[in-house]
Amino acid sequence: MDLRSLRYFVAVAEERHFGRAAVRLHMTQPPLSRAVKQLENDLGAVLLHRSSRGVTLTAAGRALYDEARALLRQAEQARTRVAAAARTATLVLGTLAEQSGTRLVATFRTRHPDVHVRIREADLTDPTTGLRAGLVDVALTRAPFDDTGISSRVLRADPVGVVLRTDDPLADRDTLHPRDLATRRWFRLPDGTDPPWRAYWTSPAPAAGPREGPVVRTVHECVQAVLWNGTIGLAPLVDALPEGLVCVPLTDMPPSRLVVAWNTADADPLVHSFVRIATAGYSSAARSAT
């Protein structure tokens, strides 16, 4: 029994479903199932009742869940104390391929010259970029997403457009309305993706039937799906696109909100300093642009 196995078990216990837990942990389901089964073998106890609808905890599972959460908290506290003792402060910043901006980077480096910043770029299944799983300290991401236990501040609201090939019949339009797109193939996000996030990016138009576009996990895959297959999707108008693609403004679509997000229960002064610097920096940039 190791910390990784306990982390896997806690994710399954909280999600009540192997598929959703695998998405949360950014792994595939088979190795997750094998790891939990091995944990059961090591402990000599059945931890989960499995069914086609998901899983529930057995009495042994409930006992382990409480102990596992306590052990994981203690391990995280130990990491924090060791880092402090070694005088190496680290901030893990999660992104979805968002550019942090030179002003934000410069200001943070000036305020915290001894802090090591590690970047974790997440895929599109998790707009929190690992916040909920404890993989990052703070995130530069986009709303909407399930914000249970997560606080955020809006940095900027960007209009959204439809990403098309330049030879698409709609590419020369000044604007598009969702009804113009009802029969088009859209890229899809994997099962288990955050529901509000998935609905925003893949369901702006009433579908005439099932959306049969490709399933994508990264921004790069989205771009390639449009280039190679003529699939369409959405993107903030501020995003740079490769040659051969255009982004046509979409009317009657709420803007995409760029946010800085963190776990509400996190009292780390470094996290809150980053939030303040990001909020001030983007507010100053907005004032300069007007």
C-alpha atoms as a PDB file:
ATOM      1  CA  MET A   1       0.000   0.000   0.000  1.00  0.00           C
ATOM      2  CA  ASP A   2       1.507   3.334  -1.075  1.00  0.00           C
ATOM      3  CA  LEU A   3       0.382   6.945  -1.357  1.00  0.00           C
ATOM      4  CA  ARG A   4      -0.353   6.629  -5.077  1.00  0.00           C
ATOM      5  CA  SER A   5      -2.727   3.717  -4.466  1.00  0.00           C
ATOM      6  CA  LEU A   6      -4.450   5.665  -1.699  1.00  0.00           C
ATOM      7  CA  ARG A   7      -4.803   8.726  -3.950  1.00  0.00           C
ATOM      8  CA  TYR A   8      -6.378   6.545  -6.644  1.00  0.00           C
ATOM      9  CA  PHE A   9      -8.761   4.959  -4.144  1.00  0.00           C
ATOM     10  CA  VAL A  10      -9.842   8.342  -2.735  1.00  0.00           C
ATOM     11  CA  ALA A  11     -10.586   9.631  -6.237  1.00  0.00           C
ATOM     12  CA  VAL A  12     -12.774   6.596  -7.013  1.00  0.00           C
ATOM     13  CA  ALA A  13     -14.495   6.847  -3.628  1.00  0.00           C
ATOM     14  CA  GLU A  14     -15.324  10.521  -4.154  1.00  0.00           C
ATOM     15  CA  GLU A  15     -16.371  10.247  -7.788  1.00  0.00           C
ATOM     16  CA  ARG A  16     -18.315   6.982  -7.208  1.00  0.00           C
ATOM     17  CA  HIS A  17     -17.265   5.968 -10.720  1.00  0.00           C
ATOM     18  CA  PHE A  18     -14.028   4.585 -12.201  1.00  0.00           C
ATOM     19  CA  GLY A  19     -14.428   6.528 -15.456  1.00  0.00           C
ATOM     20  CA  ARG A  20     -14.902   9.905 -13.773  1.00  0.00           C
ATOM     21  CA  ALA A  21     -12.062   9.170 -11.352  1.00  0.00           C
ATOM     22  CA  ALA A  22      -9.763   8.306 -14.267  1.00  0.00           C
ATOM     23  CA  VAL A  23     -10.580  11.642 -15.938  1.00  0.00           C
ATOM     24  CA  ARG A  24      -9.938  13.472 -12.670  1.00  0.00           C
ATOM     25  CA  LEU A  25      -6.576  11.726 -12.290  1.00  0.00           C
ATOM     26  CA  HIS A  26      -5.685  12.249 -15.969  1.00  0.00           C
ATOM     27  CA  MET A  27      -5.186   8.555 -16.644  1.00  0.00           C
ATOM     28  CA  THR A  28      -7.029   5.764 -18.405  1.00  0.00           C
ATOM     29  CA  GLN A  29      -9.479   3.520 -16.588  1.00  0.00           C
ATOM     30  CA  PRO A  30      -7.813   0.057 -16.859  1.00  0.00           C
ATOM     31  CA  PRO A  31      -4.659   0.878 -14.839  1.00  0.00           C
ATOM     32  CA  LEU A  32      -6.807   2.675 -12.269  1.00  0.00           C
ATOM     33  CA  SER A  33      -9.038  -0.397 -11.888  1.00  0.00           C
ATOM     34  CA  ARG A  34      -5.976  -2.641 -11.564  1.00  0.00           C
ATOM     35  CA  ALA A  35      -4.400  -0.394  -8.936  1.00  0.00           C
ATOM     36  CA  VAL A  36      -7.548  -0.382  -6.771  1.00  0.00           C
ATOM     37  CA  LYS A  37      -7.916  -4.153  -7.157  1.00  0.00           C
ATOM     38  CA  GLN A  38      -4.288  -4.605  -6.085  1.00  0.00           C
ATOM     39  CA  LEU A  39      -4.962  -2.397  -3.059  1.00  0.00           C
ATOM     40  CA  GLU A  40      -7.889  -4.647  -2.128  1.00  0.00           C
ATOM     41  CA  ASN A  41      -5.640  -7.695  -2.483  1.00  0.00           C
ATOM     42  CA  ASP A  42      -2.928  -6.106  -0.326  1.00  0.00           C
ATOM     43  CA  LEU A  43      -5.441  -5.292   2.404  1.00  0.00           C
ATOM     44  CA  GLY A  44      -7.379  -8.533   2.086  1.00  0.00           C
ATOM     45  CA  ALA A  45     -10.688  -6.664   1.981  1.00  0.00           C
ATOM     46  CA  VAL A  46     -13.267  -5.625  -0.608  1.00  0.00           C
ATOM     47  CA  LEU A  47     -13.358  -1.839  -0.609  1.00  0.00           C
ATOM     48  CA  LEU A  48     -15.944  -1.152  -3.311  1.00  0.00           C
ATOM     49  CA  HIS A  49     -19.243  -2.577  -4.459  1.00  0.00           C
ATOM     50  CA  ARG A  50     -19.041  -2.407  -8.260  1.00  0.00           C
ATOM     51  CA  SER A  51     -22.038  -2.163 -10.582  1.00  0.00           C
ATOM     52  CA  SER A  52     -22.791  -0.949 -14.096  1.00  0.00           C
ATOM     53  CA  ARG A  53     -23.906   2.400 -12.616  1.00  0.00           C
ATOM     54  CA  GLY A  54     -20.761   3.028 -10.578  1.00  0.00           C
ATOM     55  CA  VAL A  55     -19.330   2.065  -7.208  1.00  0.00           C
ATOM     56  CA  THR A  56     -20.264   2.389  -3.540  1.00  0.00           C
ATOM     57  CA  LEU A  57     -18.048   1.971  -0.508  1.00  0.00           C
ATOM     58  CA  THR A  58     -18.159  -1.136   1.626  1.00  0.00           C
ATOM     59  CA  ALA A  59     -17.738  -0.849   5.390  1.00  0.00           C
ATOM     60  CA  ALA A  60     -14.020  -1.535   4.888  1.00  0.00           C
ATOM     61  CA  GLY A  61     -13.928   1.072   2.133  1.00  0.00           C
ATOM     62  CA  ARG A  62     -15.483   3.717   4.362  1.00  0.00           C
ATOM     63  CA  ALA A  63     -12.913   3.018   7.062  1.00  0.00           C
ATOM     64  CA  LEU A  64     -10.036   3.228   4.591  1.00  0.00           C
ATOM     65  CA  TYR A  65     -11.413   6.401   2.981  1.00  0.00           C
ATOM     66  CA  ASP A  66     -11.155   8.341   6.258  1.00  0.00           C
ATOM     67  CA  GLU A  67      -7.681   6.970   6.980  1.00  0.00           C
ATOM     68  CA  ALA A  68      -6.480   7.549   3.413  1.00  0.00           C
ATOM     69  CA  ARG A  69      -7.567  11.183   3.383  1.00  0.00           C
ATOM     70  CA  ALA A  70      -5.758  11.751   6.679  1.00  0.00           C
ATOM     71  CA  LEU A  71      -2.590  10.078   5.373  1.00  0.00           C
ATOM     72  CA  LEU A  72      -2.640  12.107   2.148  1.00  0.00           C
ATOM     73  CA  ARG A  73      -3.080  15.325   4.133  1.00  0.00           C
ATOM     74  CA  GLN A  74      -0.155  14.366   6.359  1.00  0.00           C
ATOM     75  CA  ALA A  75       1.985  13.577   3.317  1.00  0.00           C
ATOM     76  CA  GLU A  76       1.182  16.947   1.771  1.00  0.00           C
ATOM     77  CA  GLN A  77       1.979  18.689   5.052  1.00  0.00           C
ATOM     78  CA  ALA A  78       5.280  16.816   5.190  1.00  0.00           C
ATOM     79  CA  ARG A  79       6.150  17.975   1.671  1.00  0.00           C
ATOM     80  CA  THR A  80       5.331  21.545   2.662  1.00  0.00           C
ATOM     81  CA  ARG A  81       7.486  21.383   5.805  1.00  0.00           C
ATOM     82  CA  VAL A  82      10.415  19.830   3.950  1.00  0.00           C
ATOM     83  CA  ALA A  83      10.217  22.484   1.223  1.00  0.00           C
ATOM     84  CA  ALA A  84      10.122  25.206   3.860  1.00  0.00           C
ATOM     85  CA  ALA A  85      13.083  23.698   5.689  1.00  0.00           C
ATOM     86  CA  ALA A  86      15.037  23.572   2.456  1.00  0.00           C
ATOM     87  CA  ARG A  87      14.038  27.201   1.768  1.00  0.00           C
ATOM     88  CA  THR A  88      12.718  26.313  -1.655  1.00  0.00           C
ATOM     89  CA  ALA A  89       9.294  27.756  -2.258  1.00  0.00           C
ATOM     90  CA  THR A  90       7.473  26.332  -5.278  1.00  0.00           C
ATOM     91  CA  LEU A  91       4.241  27.445  -6.930  1.00  0.00           C
ATOM     92  CA  VAL A  92       2.579  25.077  -9.382  1.00  0.00           C
ATOM     93  CA  LEU A  93       0.570  27.025 -11.960  1.00  0.00           C
ATOM     94  CA  GLY A  94      -2.017  25.198 -14.031  1.00  0.00           C
ATOM     95  CA  THR A  95      -3.019  26.396 -17.496  1.00  0.00           C
ATOM     96  CA  LEU A  96      -5.006  25.345 -20.545  1.00  0.00           C
ATOM     97  CA  ALA A  97      -2.418  26.631 -23.018  1.00  0.00           C
ATOM     98  CA  GLU A  98      -3.139  30.190 -21.827  1.00  0.00           C
ATOM     99  CA  GLN A  99      -0.310  32.690 -22.072  1.00  0.00           C
ATOM    100  CA  SER A 100       0.433  34.243 -18.683  1.00  0.00           C
ATOM    101  CA  GLY A 101       1.481  37.592 -20.098  1.00  0.00           C
ATOM    102  CA  THR A 102       4.866  39.227 -19.686  1.00  0.00           C
ATOM    103  CA  ARG A 103       3.584  41.814 -17.190  1.00  0.00           C
ATOM    104  CA  LEU A 104       2.234  39.159 -14.820  1.00  0.00           C
ATOM    105  CA  VAL A 105       5.431  37.113 -15.049  1.00  0.00           C
ATOM    106  CA  ALA A 106       7.678  40.136 -14.489  1.00  0.00           C
ATOM    107  CA  THR A 107       5.676  41.414 -11.515  1.00  0.00           C
ATOM    108  CA  PHE A 108       5.560  38.022  -9.814  1.00  0.00           C
ATOM    109  CA  ARG A 109       9.293  37.462 -10.348  1.00  0.00           C
ATOM    110  CA  THR A 110      10.014  40.897  -8.834  1.00  0.00           C
ATOM    111  CA  ARG A 111       7.849  40.235  -5.768  1.00  0.00           C
ATOM    112  CA  HIS A 112       9.021  36.628  -5.294  1.00  0.00           C
ATOM    113  CA  PRO A 113      12.486  36.255  -6.818  1.00  0.00           C
ATOM    114  CA  ASP A 114      13.284  33.051  -4.883  1.00  0.00           C
ATOM    115  CA  VAL A 115      10.101  31.188  -5.781  1.00  0.00           C
ATOM    116  CA  HIS A 116      10.322  28.422  -8.360  1.00  0.00           C
ATOM    117  CA  VAL A 117       7.245  28.433 -10.623  1.00  0.00           C
ATOM    118  CA  ARG A 118       6.364  25.132 -12.260  1.00  0.00           C
ATOM    119  CA  ILE A 119       3.834  25.106 -15.126  1.00  0.00           C
ATOM    120  CA  ARG A 120       1.371  22.277 -15.617  1.00  0.00           C
ATOM    121  CA  GLU A 121      -0.580  22.384 -18.872  1.00  0.00           C
ATOM    122  CA  ALA A 122      -3.767  20.348 -18.515  1.00  0.00           C
ATOM    123  CA  ASP A 123      -5.970  18.870 -21.198  1.00  0.00           C
ATOM    124  CA  LEU A 124      -9.515  19.994 -21.967  1.00  0.00           C
ATOM    125  CA  THR A 125     -11.227  17.413 -19.756  1.00  0.00           C
ATOM    126  CA  ASP A 126     -10.308  19.380 -16.616  1.00  0.00           C
ATOM    127  CA  PRO A 127     -10.768  23.154 -16.790  1.00  0.00           C
ATOM    128  CA  THR A 128      -9.536  23.418 -13.190  1.00  0.00           C
ATOM    129  CA  THR A 129      -6.166  22.185 -14.581  1.00  0.00           C
ATOM    130  CA  GLY A 130      -5.674  19.904 -11.585  1.00  0.00           C
ATOM    131  CA  LEU A 131      -6.863  22.156  -8.750  1.00  0.00           C
ATOM    132  CA  ARG A 132      -9.467  19.696  -7.518  1.00  0.00           C
ATOM    133  CA  ALA A 133      -6.999  16.813  -7.637  1.00  0.00           C
ATOM    134  CA  GLY A 134      -4.369  18.815  -5.754  1.00  0.00           C
ATOM    135  CA  LEU A 135      -1.954  18.806  -8.701  1.00  0.00           C
ATOM    136  CA  VAL A 136      -1.601  22.598  -8.915  1.00  0.00           C
ATOM    137  CA  ASP A 137      -1.692  25.500  -6.469  1.00  0.00           C
ATOM    138  CA  VAL A 138      -3.373  28.081  -8.681  1.00  0.00           C
ATOM    139  CA  ALA A 139      -4.777  28.115 -12.214  1.00  0.00           C
ATOM    140  CA  LEU A 140      -5.101  30.493 -15.132  1.00  0.00           C
ATOM    141  CA  THR A 141      -8.066  28.998 -16.932  1.00  0.00           C
ATOM    142  CA  ARG A 142     -11.470  29.758 -18.397  1.00  0.00           C
ATOM    143  CA  ALA A 143     -14.952  29.558 -16.938  1.00  0.00           C
ATOM    144  CA  PRO A 144     -17.548  28.135 -16.733  1.00  0.00           C
ATOM    145  CA  PHE A 145     -16.752  24.970 -14.772  1.00  0.00           C
ATOM    146  CA  ASP A 146     -17.975  23.243 -11.637  1.00  0.00           C
ATOM    147  CA  ASP A 147     -16.558  25.595  -8.989  1.00  0.00           C
ATOM    148  CA  THR A 148     -17.509  23.593  -5.903  1.00  0.00           C
ATOM    149  CA  GLY A 149     -14.733  24.275  -3.390  1.00  0.00           C
ATOM    150  CA  ILE A 150     -12.956  26.575  -5.845  1.00  0.00           C
ATOM    151  CA  SER A 151     -12.728  30.373  -5.734  1.00  0.00           C
ATOM    152  CA  SER A 152     -11.966  32.502  -8.762  1.00  0.00           C
ATOM    153  CA  ARG A 153     -11.649  36.062  -9.998  1.00  0.00           C
ATOM    154  CA  VAL A 154     -12.460  37.134 -13.522  1.00  0.00           C
ATOM    155  CA  LEU A 155      -9.452  38.680 -15.248  1.00  0.00           C
ATOM    156  CA  ARG A 156     -10.952  39.306 -18.666  1.00  0.00           C
ATOM    157  CA  ALA A 157     -14.040  38.466 -20.740  1.00  0.00           C
ATOM    158  CA  ASP A 158     -13.299  37.558 -24.357  1.00  0.00           C
ATOM    159  CA  PRO A 159     -15.804  37.295 -27.231  1.00  0.00           C
ATOM    160  CA  VAL A 160     -15.998  33.855 -28.794  1.00  0.00           C
ATOM    161  CA  GLY A 161     -15.909  32.854 -32.441  1.00  0.00           C
ATOM    162  CA  VAL A 162     -16.338  29.794 -34.628  1.00  0.00           C
ATOM    163  CA  VAL A 163     -13.089  28.243 -35.853  1.00  0.00           C
ATOM    164  CA  LEU A 164     -13.325  27.340 -39.550  1.00  0.00           C
ATOM    165  CA  ARG A 165     -11.041  26.482 -42.411  1.00  0.00           C
ATOM    166  CA  THR A 166     -10.483  29.419 -44.737  1.00  0.00           C
ATOM    167  CA  ASP A 167     -12.156  27.474 -47.556  1.00  0.00           C
ATOM    168  CA  ASP A 168     -15.294  26.833 -45.497  1.00  0.00           C
ATOM    169  CA  PRO A 169     -18.488  28.321 -47.028  1.00  0.00           C
ATOM    170  CA  LEU A 170     -19.070  30.269 -43.807  1.00  0.00           C
ATOM    171  CA  ALA A 171     -15.519  31.608 -43.480  1.00  0.00           C
ATOM    172  CA  ASP A 172     -16.274  34.937 -45.223  1.00  0.00           C
ATOM    173  CA  ARG A 173     -19.210  35.838 -42.990  1.00  0.00           C
ATOM    174  CA  ASP A 174     -18.806  38.843 -40.688  1.00  0.00           C
ATOM    175  CA  THR A 175     -20.676  37.045 -37.908  1.00  0.00           C
ATOM    176  CA  LEU A 176     -22.437  33.733 -37.351  1.00  0.00           C
ATOM    177  CA  HIS A 177     -25.487  32.796 -35.296  1.00  0.00           C
ATOM    178  CA  PRO A 178     -25.824  29.445 -33.497  1.00  0.00           C
ATOM    179  CA  ARG A 179     -28.654  28.459 -35.839  1.00  0.00           C
ATOM    180  CA  ASP A 180     -26.210  28.696 -38.770  1.00  0.00           C
ATOM    181  CA  LEU A 181     -24.277  25.805 -37.247  1.00  0.00           C
ATOM    182  CA  ALA A 182     -27.051  23.363 -36.355  1.00  0.00           C
ATOM    183  CA  THR A 183     -26.118  20.799 -39.034  1.00  0.00           C
ATOM    184  CA  ARG A 184     -22.334  21.025 -38.696  1.00  0.00           C
ATOM    185  CA  ARG A 185     -19.993  18.474 -37.150  1.00  0.00           C
ATOM    186  CA  TRP A 186     -18.493  19.733 -33.897  1.00  0.00           C
ATOM    187  CA  PHE A 187     -15.578  18.341 -32.005  1.00  0.00           C
ATOM    188  CA  ARG A 188     -16.617  16.579 -28.805  1.00  0.00           C
ATOM    189  CA  LEU A 189     -15.010  16.390 -25.378  1.00  0.00           C
ATOM    190  CA  PRO A 190     -14.543  13.007 -23.652  1.00  0.00           C
ATOM    191  CA  ASP A 191     -17.108  11.451 -21.330  1.00  0.00           C
ATOM    192  CA  GLY A 192     -16.489  12.588 -17.772  1.00  0.00           C
ATOM    193  CA  THR A 193     -15.484  16.120 -18.786  1.00  0.00           C
ATOM    194  CA  ASP A 194     -16.653  18.863 -16.416  1.00  0.00           C
ATOM    195  CA  PRO A 195     -20.370  19.316 -17.386  1.00  0.00           C
ATOM    196  CA  PRO A 196     -20.678  23.153 -17.433  1.00  0.00           C
ATOM    197  CA  TRP A 197     -17.410  23.400 -19.354  1.00  0.00           C
ATOM    198  CA  ARG A 198     -18.459  20.734 -21.841  1.00  0.00           C
ATOM    199  CA  ALA A 199     -21.846  22.355 -22.449  1.00  0.00           C
ATOM    200  CA  TYR A 200     -20.328  25.791 -23.081  1.00  0.00           C
ATOM    201  CA  TRP A 201     -17.782  24.700 -25.674  1.00  0.00           C
ATOM    202  CA  THR A 202     -19.696  21.976 -27.517  1.00  0.00           C
ATOM    203  CA  SER A 203     -23.406  22.850 -27.338  1.00  0.00           C
ATOM    204  CA  PRO A 204     -23.987  26.464 -28.428  1.00  0.00           C
ATOM    205  CA  ALA A 205     -26.223  25.431 -31.326  1.00  0.00           C
ATOM    206  CA  PRO A 206     -29.346  23.252 -31.308  1.00  0.00           C
ATOM    207  CA  ALA A 207     -28.254  19.966 -32.844  1.00  0.00           C
ATOM    208  CA  ALA A 208     -30.293  18.387 -35.630  1.00  0.00           C
ATOM    209  CA  GLY A 209     -28.991  14.992 -34.520  1.00  0.00           C
ATOM    210  CA  PRO A 210     -26.084  13.423 -32.627  1.00  0.00           C
ATOM    211  CA  ARG A 211     -22.851  15.390 -32.866  1.00  0.00           C
ATOM    212  CA  GLU A 212     -20.536  12.976 -34.645  1.00  0.00           C
ATOM    213  CA  GLY A 213     -17.334  14.987 -34.662  1.00  0.00           C
ATOM    214  CA  PRO A 214     -14.055  13.651 -33.274  1.00  0.00           C
ATOM    215  CA  VAL A 215     -13.343  13.448 -29.552  1.00  0.00           C
ATOM    216  CA  VAL A 216     -10.499  15.801 -28.624  1.00  0.00           C
ATOM    217  CA  ARG A 217      -8.501  16.335 -25.450  1.00  0.00           C
ATOM    218  CA  THR A 218      -6.129  19.199 -26.269  1.00  0.00           C
ATOM    219  CA  VAL A 219      -6.203  22.558 -28.018  1.00  0.00           C
ATOM    220  CA  HIS A 220      -3.815  21.139 -30.626  1.00  0.00           C
ATOM    221  CA  GLU A 221      -6.206  18.272 -31.360  1.00  0.00           C
ATOM    222  CA  CYS A 222      -9.060  20.769 -31.790  1.00  0.00           C
ATOM    223  CA  VAL A 223      -7.055  22.750 -34.338  1.00  0.00           C
ATOM    224  CA  GLN A 224      -6.063  19.614 -36.240  1.00  0.00           C
ATOM    225  CA  ALA A 225      -9.674  18.381 -36.283  1.00  0.00           C
ATOM    226  CA  VAL A 226     -10.718  21.582 -38.025  1.00  0.00           C
ATOM    227  CA  LEU A 227      -7.798  21.577 -40.469  1.00  0.00           C
ATOM    228  CA  TRP A 228      -8.014  17.928 -41.489  1.00  0.00           C
ATOM    229  CA  ASN A 229     -11.696  17.087 -41.189  1.00  0.00           C
ATOM    230  CA  GLY A 230     -13.564  20.368 -41.552  1.00  0.00           C
ATOM    231  CA  THR A 231     -14.941  19.936 -38.045  1.00  0.00           C
ATOM    232  CA  ILE A 232     -15.905  23.204 -36.362  1.00  0.00           C
ATOM    233  CA  GLY A 233     -15.418  24.411 -32.835  1.00  0.00           C
ATOM    234  CA  LEU A 234     -15.226  27.526 -30.700  1.00  0.00           C
ATOM    235  CA  ALA A 235     -12.339  29.644 -29.494  1.00  0.00           C
ATOM    236  CA  PRO A 236     -11.851  33.068 -27.887  1.00  0.00           C
ATOM    237  CA  LEU A 237     -11.318  35.666 -30.606  1.00  0.00           C
ATOM    238  CA  VAL A 238      -8.052  36.706 -28.932  1.00  0.00           C
ATOM    239  CA  ASP A 239      -6.463  33.297 -29.594  1.00  0.00           C
ATOM    240  CA  ALA A 240      -3.917  33.123 -32.397  1.00  0.00           C
ATOM    241  CA  LEU A 241      -4.718  30.548 -35.075  1.00  0.00           C
ATOM    242  CA  PRO A 242      -2.415  28.793 -37.536  1.00  0.00           C
ATOM    243  CA  GLU A 243      -2.455  29.528 -41.240  1.00  0.00           C
ATOM    244  CA  GLY A 244      -5.511  28.101 -42.964  1.00  0.00           C
ATOM    245  CA  LEU A 245      -7.966  28.838 -40.143  1.00  0.00           C
ATOM    246  CA  VAL A 246     -10.187  31.792 -39.304  1.00  0.00           C
ATOM    247  CA  CYS A 247     -12.356  32.627 -36.311  1.00  0.00           C
ATOM    248  CA  VAL A 248     -15.725  34.216 -37.155  1.00  0.00           C
ATOM    249  CA  PRO A 249     -17.481  36.028 -34.267  1.00  0.00           C
ATOM    250  CA  LEU A 250     -20.479  34.121 -32.894  1.00  0.00           C
ATOM    251  CA  THR A 251     -23.479  36.212 -31.854  1.00  0.00           C
ATOM    252  CA  ASP A 252     -25.762  35.416 -28.896  1.00  0.00           C
ATOM    253  CA  MET A 253     -22.895  33.614 -27.174  1.00  0.00           C
ATOM    254  CA  PRO A 254     -21.749  34.657 -23.701  1.00  0.00           C
ATOM    255  CA  PRO A 255     -18.081  35.653 -23.576  1.00  0.00           C
ATOM    256  CA  SER A 256     -15.371  33.297 -22.388  1.00  0.00           C
ATOM    257  CA  ARG A 257     -14.143  34.467 -18.987  1.00  0.00           C
ATOM    258  CA  LEU A 258     -10.426  34.178 -18.284  1.00  0.00           C
ATOM    259  CA  VAL A 259     -10.080  33.569 -14.537  1.00  0.00           C
ATOM    260  CA  VAL A 260      -7.489  32.965 -11.878  1.00  0.00           C
ATOM    261  CA  ALA A 261      -8.704  30.129  -9.652  1.00  0.00           C
ATOM    262  CA  TRP A 262      -7.580  28.466  -6.447  1.00  0.00           C
ATOM    263  CA  ASN A 263      -8.899  26.044  -3.847  1.00  0.00           C
ATOM    264  CA  THR A 264     -11.100  27.989  -1.440  1.00  0.00           C
ATOM    265  CA  ALA A 265      -9.611  26.241   1.603  1.00  0.00           C
ATOM    266  CA  ASP A 266      -6.027  27.034   0.565  1.00  0.00           C
ATOM    267  CA  ALA A 267      -4.554  29.640   2.907  1.00  0.00           C
ATOM    268  CA  ASP A 268      -1.068  29.624   1.325  1.00  0.00           C
ATOM    269  CA  PRO A 269       0.121  33.270   1.251  1.00  0.00           C
ATOM    270  CA  LEU A 270       2.000  32.605  -2.000  1.00  0.00           C
ATOM    271  CA  VAL A 271      -1.214  31.534  -3.744  1.00  0.00           C
ATOM    272  CA  HIS A 272      -3.070  34.613  -2.578  1.00  0.00           C
ATOM    273  CA  SER A 273      -0.177  36.839  -3.593  1.00  0.00           C
ATOM    274  CA  PHE A 274      -0.345  35.376  -7.109  1.00  0.00           C
ATOM    275  CA  VAL A 275      -4.109  36.015  -7.203  1.00  0.00           C
ATOM    276  CA  ARG A 276      -3.637  39.654  -6.190  1.00  0.00           C
ATOM    277  CA  ILE A 277      -0.840  40.205  -8.704  1.00  0.00           C
ATOM    278  CA  ALA A 278      -2.818  38.590 -11.533  1.00  0.00           C
ATOM    279  CA  THR A 279      -5.975  40.564 -10.736  1.00  0.00           C
ATOM    280  CA  ALA A 280      -4.094  43.869 -10.534  1.00  0.00           C
ATOM    281  CA  GLY A 281      -2.069  43.133 -13.649  1.00  0.00           C
ATOM    282  CA  TYR A 282      -5.020  42.335 -15.872  1.00  0.00           C
ATOM    283  CA  SER A 283      -7.003  45.298 -14.514  1.00  0.00           C
ATOM    284  CA  SER A 284      -4.078  47.595 -15.334  1.00  0.00           C
ATOM    285  CA  ALA A 285      -3.780  46.092 -18.827  1.00  0.00           C
ATOM    286  CA  ALA A 286      -7.494  46.685 -19.428  1.00  0.00           C
ATOM    287  CA  ARG A 287      -7.217  50.320 -18.356  1.00  0.00           C
ATOM    288  CA  SER A 288      -4.218  50.825 -20.629  1.00  0.00           C
ATOM    289  CA  ALA A 289      -6.136  49.416 -23.585  1.00  0.00           C
ATOM    290  CA  THR A 290      -9.049  51.879 -23.157  1.00  0.00           C
END
